[in-house]
Amino acid sequence: MGAGGNTFTLGNINDASSVLNEPLKRKIRSLSDSLRESEMKVSELTGLVASLTADAHNSQRDMGDIL
């Protein structure tokens, strides 16, 4: 018997655990979404850096041809 005459069962404990874990699950989902967005931004920036690097090399080559 639990406090106040209530009987604690495995089901009660699992229900309580589920309720207590819900905010944690929401935070994990939120952080996972943020990580996914950040990874996409990093990928996009990596592509932009590669493009700018190629442009810089082409510009250097063009300047060498002009001179």
PDB file of N, CA and C in Angstrom:
ATOM      1  N   MET A   1       0.830  -1.188   0.000  1.00  0.00           N
ATOM      2  CA  MET A   1       0.000   0.000   0.000  1.00  0.00           C
ATOM      3  C   MET A   1       0.872   1.247   0.000  1.00  0.00           C
ATOM      4  N   GLY A   2       0.485   2.215  -0.793  1.00  0.00           N
ATOM      5  CA  GLY A   2       1.219   3.468  -0.838  1.00  0.00           C
ATOM      6  C   GLY A   2       0.631   4.461   0.138  1.00  0.00           C
ATOM      7  N   ALA A   3       1.101   5.674   0.056  1.00  0.00           N
ATOM      8  CA  ALA A   3       0.634   6.731   0.954  1.00  0.00           C
ATOM      9  C   ALA A   3      -0.847   6.993   0.720  1.00  0.00           C
ATOM     10  N   GLY A   4      -1.587   7.216   1.794  1.00  0.00           N
ATOM     11  CA  GLY A   4      -3.008   7.546   1.689  1.00  0.00           C
ATOM     12  C   GLY A   4      -3.858   6.372   1.266  1.00  0.00           C
ATOM     13  N   GLY A   5      -3.355   5.147   1.407  1.00  0.00           N
ATOM     14  CA  GLY A   5      -4.139   3.972   1.077  1.00  0.00           C
ATOM     15  C   GLY A   5      -4.116   3.602  -0.394  1.00  0.00           C
ATOM     16  N   ASN A   6      -3.385   4.339  -1.211  1.00  0.00           N
ATOM     17  CA  ASN A   6      -3.285   4.012  -2.635  1.00  0.00           C
ATOM     18  C   ASN A   6      -2.328   2.850  -2.835  1.00  0.00           C
ATOM     19  N   THR A   7      -2.654   2.004  -3.766  1.00  0.00           N
ATOM     20  CA  THR A   7      -1.776   0.893  -4.100  1.00  0.00           C
ATOM     21  C   THR A   7      -0.922   1.284  -5.293  1.00  0.00           C
ATOM     22  N   PHE A   8       0.388   1.148  -5.135  1.00  0.00           N
ATOM     23  CA  PHE A   8       1.299   1.443  -6.238  1.00  0.00           C
ATOM     24  C   PHE A   8       1.479   0.185  -7.060  1.00  0.00           C
ATOM     25  N   THR A   9       1.308   0.324  -8.352  1.00  0.00           N
ATOM     26  CA  THR A   9       1.503  -0.807  -9.253  1.00  0.00           C
ATOM     27  C   THR A   9       2.542  -0.421 -10.284  1.00  0.00           C
ATOM     28  N   LEU A  10       3.021  -1.419 -10.982  1.00  0.00           N
ATOM     29  CA  LEU A  10       3.979  -1.163 -12.047  1.00  0.00           C
ATOM     30  C   LEU A  10       3.367  -0.228 -13.084  1.00  0.00           C
ATOM     31  N   GLY A  11       2.078  -0.378 -13.351  1.00  0.00           N
ATOM     32  CA  GLY A  11       1.390   0.498 -14.300  1.00  0.00           C
ATOM     33  C   GLY A  11       1.399   1.944 -13.850  1.00  0.00           C
ATOM     34  N   ASN A  12       1.141   2.169 -12.538  1.00  0.00           N
ATOM     35  CA  ASN A  12       1.177   3.533 -12.009  1.00  0.00           C
ATOM     36  C   ASN A  12       2.572   4.128 -12.158  1.00  0.00           C
ATOM     37  N   ILE A  13       3.566   3.320 -11.865  1.00  0.00           N
ATOM     38  CA  ILE A  13       4.950   3.799 -11.953  1.00  0.00           C
ATOM     39  C   ILE A  13       5.296   4.110 -13.407  1.00  0.00           C
ATOM     40  N   ASN A  14       4.896   3.246 -14.328  1.00  0.00           N
ATOM     41  CA  ASN A  14       5.165   3.493 -15.746  1.00  0.00           C
ATOM     42  C   ASN A  14       4.449   4.739 -16.239  1.00  0.00           C
ATOM     43  N   ASP A  15       3.205   4.936 -15.795  1.00  0.00           N
ATOM     44  CA  ASP A  15       2.462   6.139 -16.183  1.00  0.00           C
ATOM     45  C   ASP A  15       3.162   7.389 -15.673  1.00  0.00           C
ATOM     46  N   ALA A  16       3.579   7.363 -14.416  1.00  0.00           N
ATOM     47  CA  ALA A  16       4.274   8.511 -13.827  1.00  0.00           C
ATOM     48  C   ALA A  16       5.584   8.765 -14.559  1.00  0.00           C
ATOM     49  N   SER A  17       6.297   7.701 -14.871  1.00  0.00           N
ATOM     50  CA  SER A  17       7.560   7.832 -15.592  1.00  0.00           C
ATOM     51  C   SER A  17       7.332   8.447 -16.963  1.00  0.00           C
ATOM     52  N   SER A  18       6.276   8.019 -17.633  1.00  0.00           N
ATOM     53  CA  SER A  18       5.953   8.543 -18.957  1.00  0.00           C
ATOM     54  C   SER A  18       5.655  10.034 -18.890  1.00  0.00           C
ATOM     55  N   VAL A  19       4.885  10.444 -17.890  1.00  0.00           N
ATOM     56  CA  VAL A  19       4.538  11.861 -17.722  1.00  0.00           C
ATOM     57  C   VAL A  19       5.783  12.682 -17.427  1.00  0.00           C
ATOM     58  N   LEU A  20       6.657  12.156 -16.576  1.00  0.00           N
ATOM     59  CA  LEU A  20       7.875  12.881 -16.222  1.00  0.00           C
ATOM     60  C   LEU A  20       8.855  12.940 -17.390  1.00  0.00           C
ATOM     61  N   ASN A  21       8.866  11.923 -18.244  1.00  0.00           N
ATOM     62  CA  ASN A  21       9.802  11.879 -19.365  1.00  0.00           C
ATOM     63  C   ASN A  21       9.340  12.691 -20.568  1.00  0.00           C
ATOM     64  N   GLU A  22       8.076  13.071 -20.620  1.00  0.00           N
ATOM     65  CA  GLU A  22       7.550  13.783 -21.787  1.00  0.00           C
ATOM     66  C   GLU A  22       8.288  15.096 -22.060  1.00  0.00           C
ATOM     67  N   PRO A  23       8.545  15.944 -21.050  1.00  0.00           N
ATOM     68  CA  PRO A  23       9.310  17.170 -21.331  1.00  0.00           C
ATOM     69  C   PRO A  23      10.708  16.861 -21.869  1.00  0.00           C
ATOM     70  N   LEU A  24      11.313  15.807 -21.358  1.00  0.00           N
ATOM     71  CA  LEU A  24      12.633  15.412 -21.836  1.00  0.00           C
ATOM     72  C   LEU A  24      12.558  14.961 -23.295  1.00  0.00           C
ATOM     73  N   LYS A  25      11.533  14.208 -23.639  1.00  0.00           N
ATOM     74  CA  LYS A  25      11.363  13.756 -25.022  1.00  0.00           C
ATOM     75  C   LYS A  25      11.156  14.943 -25.956  1.00  0.00           C
ATOM     76  N   ARG A  26      10.372  15.933 -25.515  1.00  0.00           N
ATOM     77  CA  ARG A  26      10.150  17.133 -26.336  1.00  0.00           C
ATOM     78  C   ARG A  26      11.460  17.877 -26.549  1.00  0.00           C
ATOM     79  N   LYS A  27      12.261  17.989 -25.495  1.00  0.00           N
ATOM     80  CA  LYS A  27      13.547  18.687 -25.602  1.00  0.00           C
ATOM     81  C   LYS A  27      14.477  17.943 -26.557  1.00  0.00           C
ATOM     82  N   ILE A  28      14.499  16.626 -26.475  1.00  0.00           N
ATOM     83  CA  ILE A  28      15.328  15.823 -27.377  1.00  0.00           C
ATOM     84  C   ILE A  28      14.895  16.035 -28.822  1.00  0.00           C
ATOM     85  N   ARG A  29      13.572  16.037 -29.080  1.00  0.00           N
ATOM     86  CA  ARG A  29      13.072  16.278 -30.442  1.00  0.00           C
ATOM     87  C   ARG A  29      13.478  17.665 -30.925  1.00  0.00           C
ATOM     88  N   SER A  30      13.351  18.656 -30.041  1.00  0.00           N
ATOM     89  CA  SER A  30      13.714  20.023 -30.401  1.00  0.00           C
ATOM     90  C   SER A  30      15.200  20.124 -30.735  1.00  0.00           C
ATOM     91  N   LEU A  31      16.033  19.509 -29.899  1.00  0.00           N
ATOM     92  CA  LEU A  31      17.473  19.546 -30.151  1.00  0.00           C
ATOM     93  C   LEU A  31      17.841  18.787 -31.422  1.00  0.00           C
ATOM     94  N   SER A  32      17.153  17.687 -31.681  1.00  0.00           N
ATOM     95  CA  SER A  32      17.403  16.919 -32.910  1.00  0.00           C
ATOM     96  C   SER A  32      17.046  17.751 -34.140  1.00  0.00           C
ATOM     97  N   ASP A  33      15.923  18.461 -34.072  1.00  0.00           N
ATOM     98  CA  ASP A  33      15.525  19.329 -35.184  1.00  0.00           C
ATOM     99  C   ASP A  33      16.547  20.442 -35.393  1.00  0.00           C
ATOM    100  N   SER A  34      17.006  21.043 -34.297  1.00  0.00           N
ATOM    101  CA  SER A  34      18.008  22.109 -34.389  1.00  0.00           C
ATOM    102  C   SER A  34      19.308  21.585 -34.988  1.00  0.00           C
ATOM    103  N   LEU A  35      19.708  20.392 -34.576  1.00  0.00           N
ATOM    104  CA  LEU A  35      20.927  19.786 -35.112  1.00  0.00           C
ATOM    105  C   LEU A  35      20.787  19.541 -36.610  1.00  0.00           C
ATOM    106  N   ARG A  36      19.639  19.021 -37.028  1.00  0.00           N
ATOM    107  CA  ARG A  36      19.397  18.757 -38.448  1.00  0.00           C
ATOM    108  C   ARG A  36      19.476  20.057 -39.253  1.00  0.00           C
ATOM    109  N   GLU A  37      18.861  21.129 -38.750  1.00  0.00           N
ATOM    110  CA  GLU A  37      18.907  22.425 -39.432  1.00  0.00           C
ATOM    111  C   GLU A  37      20.335  22.946 -39.504  1.00  0.00           C
ATOM    112  N   SER A  38      21.075  22.806 -38.413  1.00  0.00           N
ATOM    113  CA  SER A  38      22.459  23.270 -38.387  1.00  0.00           C
ATOM    114  C   SER A  38      23.316  22.494 -39.376  1.00  0.00           C
ATOM    115  N   GLU A  39      23.099  21.190 -39.460  1.00  0.00           N
ATOM    116  CA  GLU A  39      23.855  20.370 -40.411  1.00  0.00           C
ATOM    117  C   GLU A  39      23.563  20.796 -41.848  1.00  0.00           C
ATOM    118  N   MET A  40      22.304  21.145 -42.136  1.00  0.00           N
ATOM    119  CA  MET A  40      21.955  21.607 -43.485  1.00  0.00           C
ATOM    120  C   MET A  40      22.640  22.939 -43.784  1.00  0.00           C
ATOM    121  N   LYS A  41      22.681  23.836 -42.797  1.00  0.00           N
ATOM    122  CA  LYS A  41      23.340  25.128 -42.990  1.00  0.00           C
ATOM    123  C   LYS A  41      24.836  24.948 -43.203  1.00  0.00           C
ATOM    124  N   VAL A  42      25.455  24.059 -42.432  1.00  0.00           N
ATOM    125  CA  VAL A  42      26.883  23.793 -42.598  1.00  0.00           C
ATOM    126  C   VAL A  42      27.147  23.248 -43.997  1.00  0.00           C
ATOM    127  N   SER A  43      26.294  22.348 -44.455  1.00  0.00           N
ATOM    128  CA  SER A  43      26.442  21.780 -45.792  1.00  0.00           C
ATOM    129  C   SER A  43      26.330  22.872 -46.857  1.00  0.00           C
ATOM    130  N   GLU A  44      25.356  23.752 -46.692  1.00  0.00           N
ATOM    131  CA  GLU A  44      25.177  24.850 -47.641  1.00  0.00           C
ATOM    132  C   GLU A  44      26.389  25.774 -47.632  1.00  0.00           C
ATOM    133  N   LEU A  45      26.881  26.116 -46.451  1.00  0.00           N
ATOM    134  CA  LEU A  45      28.051  26.990 -46.351  1.00  0.00           C
ATOM    135  C   LEU A  45      29.293  26.332 -46.934  1.00  0.00           C
ATOM    136  N   THR A  46      29.434  25.033 -46.736  1.00  0.00           N
ATOM    137  CA  THR A  46      30.570  24.308 -47.306  1.00  0.00           C
ATOM    138  C   THR A  46      30.542  24.402 -48.831  1.00  0.00           C
ATOM    139  N   GLY A  47      29.360  24.263 -49.407  1.00  0.00           N
ATOM    140  CA  GLY A  47      29.216  24.405 -50.855  1.00  0.00           C
ATOM    141  C   GLY A  47      29.559  25.808 -51.325  1.00  0.00           C
ATOM    142  N   LEU A  48      29.123  26.818 -50.574  1.00  0.00           N
ATOM    143  CA  LEU A  48      29.434  28.202 -50.939  1.00  0.00           C
ATOM    144  C   LEU A  48      30.931  28.471 -50.867  1.00  0.00           C
ATOM    145  N   VAL A  49      31.589  27.965 -49.841  1.00  0.00           N
ATOM    146  CA  VAL A  49      33.037  28.145 -49.703  1.00  0.00           C
ATOM    147  C   VAL A  49      33.755  27.481 -50.877  1.00  0.00           C
ATOM    148  N   ALA A  50      33.322  26.286 -51.249  1.00  0.00           N
ATOM    149  CA  ALA A  50      33.934  25.593 -52.386  1.00  0.00           C
ATOM    150  C   ALA A  50      33.753  26.403 -53.668  1.00  0.00           C
ATOM    151  N   SER A  51      32.568  26.970 -53.851  1.00  0.00           N
ATOM    152  CA  SER A  51      32.297  27.776 -55.036  1.00  0.00           C
ATOM    153  C   SER A  51      33.159  29.036 -55.047  1.00  0.00           C
ATOM    154  N   LEU A  52      33.254  29.708 -53.911  1.00  0.00           N
ATOM    155  CA  LEU A  52      34.078  30.918 -53.824  1.00  0.00           C
ATOM    156  C   LEU A  52      35.550  30.604 -54.038  1.00  0.00           C
ATOM    157  N   THR A  53      35.993  29.469 -53.528  1.00  0.00           N
ATOM    158  CA  THR A  53      37.387  29.059 -53.721  1.00  0.00           C
ATOM    159  C   THR A  53      37.665  28.824 -55.200  1.00  0.00           C
ATOM    160  N   ALA A  54      36.748  28.155 -55.874  1.00  0.00           N
ATOM    161  CA  ALA A  54      36.907  27.916 -57.314  1.00  0.00           C
ATOM    162  C   ALA A  54      36.923  29.240 -58.074  1.00  0.00           C
ATOM    163  N   ASP A  55      36.037  30.165 -57.703  1.00  0.00           N
ATOM    164  CA  ASP A  55      36.009  31.479 -58.351  1.00  0.00           C
ATOM    165  C   ASP A  55      37.321  32.219 -58.136  1.00  0.00           C
ATOM    166  N   ALA A  56      37.864  32.145 -56.937  1.00  0.00           N
ATOM    167  CA  ALA A  56      39.126  32.825 -56.637  1.00  0.00           C
ATOM    168  C   ALA A  56      40.261  32.242 -57.476  1.00  0.00           C
ATOM    169  N   HIS A  57      40.302  30.924 -57.590  1.00  0.00           N
ATOM    170  CA  HIS A  57      41.340  30.290 -58.410  1.00  0.00           C
ATOM    171  C   HIS A  57      41.193  30.690 -59.882  1.00  0.00           C
ATOM    172  N   ASN A  58      39.953  30.726 -60.362  1.00  0.00           N
ATOM    173  CA  ASN A  58      39.717  31.132 -61.751  1.00  0.00           C
ATOM    174  C   ASN A  58      40.127  32.581 -61.975  1.00  0.00           C
ATOM    175  N   SER A  59      39.840  33.440 -61.013  1.00  0.00           N
ATOM    176  CA  SER A  59      40.215  34.851 -61.130  1.00  0.00           C
ATOM    177  C   SER A  59      41.730  35.004 -61.151  1.00  0.00           C
ATOM    178  N   GLN A  60      42.417  34.238 -60.311  1.00  0.00           N
ATOM    179  CA  GLN A  60      43.885  34.294 -60.301  1.00  0.00           C
ATOM    180  C   GLN A  60      44.440  33.843 -61.650  1.00  0.00           C
ATOM    181  N   ARG A  61      43.866  32.783 -62.204  1.00  0.00           N
ATOM    182  CA  ARG A  61      44.318  32.276 -63.493  1.00  0.00           C
ATOM    183  C   ARG A  61      44.067  33.325 -64.582  1.00  0.00           C
ATOM    184  N   ASP A  62      42.885  33.953 -64.542  1.00  0.00           N
ATOM    185  CA  ASP A  62      42.558  34.981 -65.532  1.00  0.00           C
ATOM    186  C   ASP A  62      43.515  36.161 -65.426  1.00  0.00           C
ATOM    187  N   MET A  63      43.837  36.565 -64.212  1.00  0.00           N
ATOM    188  CA  MET A  63      44.776  37.679 -64.014  1.00  0.00           C
ATOM    189  C   MET A  63      46.156  37.304 -64.550  1.00  0.00           C
ATOM    190  N   GLY A  64      46.545  36.062 -64.342  1.00  0.00           N
ATOM    191  CA  GLY A  64      47.834  35.604 -64.876  1.00  0.00           C
ATOM    192  C   GLY A  64      47.845  35.639 -66.394  1.00  0.00           C
ATOM    193  N   ASP A  65      46.729  35.283 -67.014  1.00  0.00           N
ATOM    194  CA  ASP A  65      46.637  35.312 -68.478  1.00  0.00           C
ATOM    195  C   ASP A  65      46.703  36.742 -69.002  1.00  0.00           C
ATOM    196  N   ILE A  66      46.075  37.670 -68.274  1.00  0.00           N
ATOM    197  CA  ILE A  66      46.051  39.073 -68.700  1.00  0.00           C
ATOM    198  C   ILE A  66      47.442  39.675 -68.597  1.00  0.00           C
ATOM    199  N   LEU A  67      48.133  39.351 -67.497  1.00  0.00           N
ATOM    200  CA  LEU A  67      49.467  39.921 -67.297  1.00  0.00           C
ATOM    201  C   LEU A  67      50.445  39.190 -68.170  1.00  0.00           C
TER     202      LEU A  67
END
